[in-house]
Protein backbone atom coordinates (compact mmCIF):
# COMPACT_ATOMS: atom_id res chain seq x y z
CA MET A 1 -91.57 -25.11 78.01
CA GLY A 2 -91.98 -22.21 80.43
CA ASP A 3 -94.20 -24.28 82.71
CA VAL A 4 -91.59 -27.02 82.93
CA ALA A 5 -88.89 -24.51 83.89
CA LEU A 6 -91.17 -22.94 86.50
CA TRP A 7 -92.01 -26.32 88.05
CA GLY A 8 -88.35 -27.33 87.99
CA PHE A 9 -87.38 -24.15 89.81
CA GLY A 10 -90.18 -24.64 92.34
CA ALA A 11 -89.15 -28.24 92.98
CA THR A 12 -85.54 -27.14 93.46
CA VAL A 13 -86.63 -24.57 96.05
CA VAL A 14 -88.71 -27.18 97.89
CA LEU A 15 -85.85 -29.71 97.86
CA THR A 16 -83.37 -27.11 99.10
CA THR A 17 -85.74 -26.11 101.89
CA ALA A 18 -86.24 -29.75 102.91
CA ILE A 19 -82.48 -30.37 102.99
CA LEU A 20 -81.86 -27.27 105.11
CA ALA A 21 -84.72 -28.20 107.48
CA ALA A 22 -83.35 -31.74 107.89
CA GLN A 23 -79.89 -30.36 108.65
CA SER A 24 -81.30 -27.87 111.15
CA LEU A 25 -83.23 -30.62 112.94
CA GLY A 26 -80.14 -32.82 113.09
CA LEU A 27 -81.66 -35.52 110.89
CA THR A 28 -78.80 -35.49 108.40
CA ARG A 29 -75.35 -34.04 107.97
CA ILE A 30 -75.30 -34.28 104.19
CA ASP A 31 -75.02 -30.89 102.47
CA MET A 32 -75.80 -31.58 98.81
CA PRO A 33 -74.88 -28.10 97.52
CA PHE A 34 -71.51 -28.45 99.27
CA VAL A 35 -70.99 -31.90 97.73
CA LEU A 36 -71.80 -30.50 94.28
CA GLY A 37 -69.46 -27.55 94.86
CA THR A 38 -66.53 -29.77 95.77
CA MET A 39 -66.74 -31.26 92.27
CA VAL A 40 -65.83 -27.81 90.91
CA THR A 41 -63.42 -26.37 93.48
CA LEU A 42 -61.33 -27.55 96.42
CA ASN A 43 -61.82 -24.28 98.31
CA ARG A 44 -64.37 -25.02 101.05
CA ASP A 45 -65.65 -21.43 101.13
CA ARG A 46 -66.26 -21.31 97.38
CA ALA A 47 -67.65 -24.86 97.24
CA LYS A 48 -70.88 -23.89 99.03
CA THR A 49 -71.53 -20.98 96.66
CA ALA A 50 -70.62 -22.98 93.57
CA GLY A 51 -72.77 -25.87 94.77
CA ASP A 52 -75.78 -23.63 95.31
CA ALA A 53 -75.40 -22.28 91.79
CA LEU A 54 -75.02 -25.76 90.29
CA HIS A 55 -78.00 -27.02 92.28
CA PHE A 56 -80.28 -24.33 90.89
CA ILE A 57 -78.91 -24.57 87.33
CA VAL A 58 -79.35 -28.34 87.18
CA GLY A 59 -82.67 -28.23 89.05
């Protein structure tokens, strides 16, 4: 069970890095942690933080 959690965390880090790299290179404008955060709160400042937390918890 510990190996699965470790691989899940590693995959989440890789996916987050790929998303940030694509945004930085102008390949996409989609911010998945922000999208996830807007499901929890309407405050744009809190949505990014909440989305990051949800992304890592689900990942």
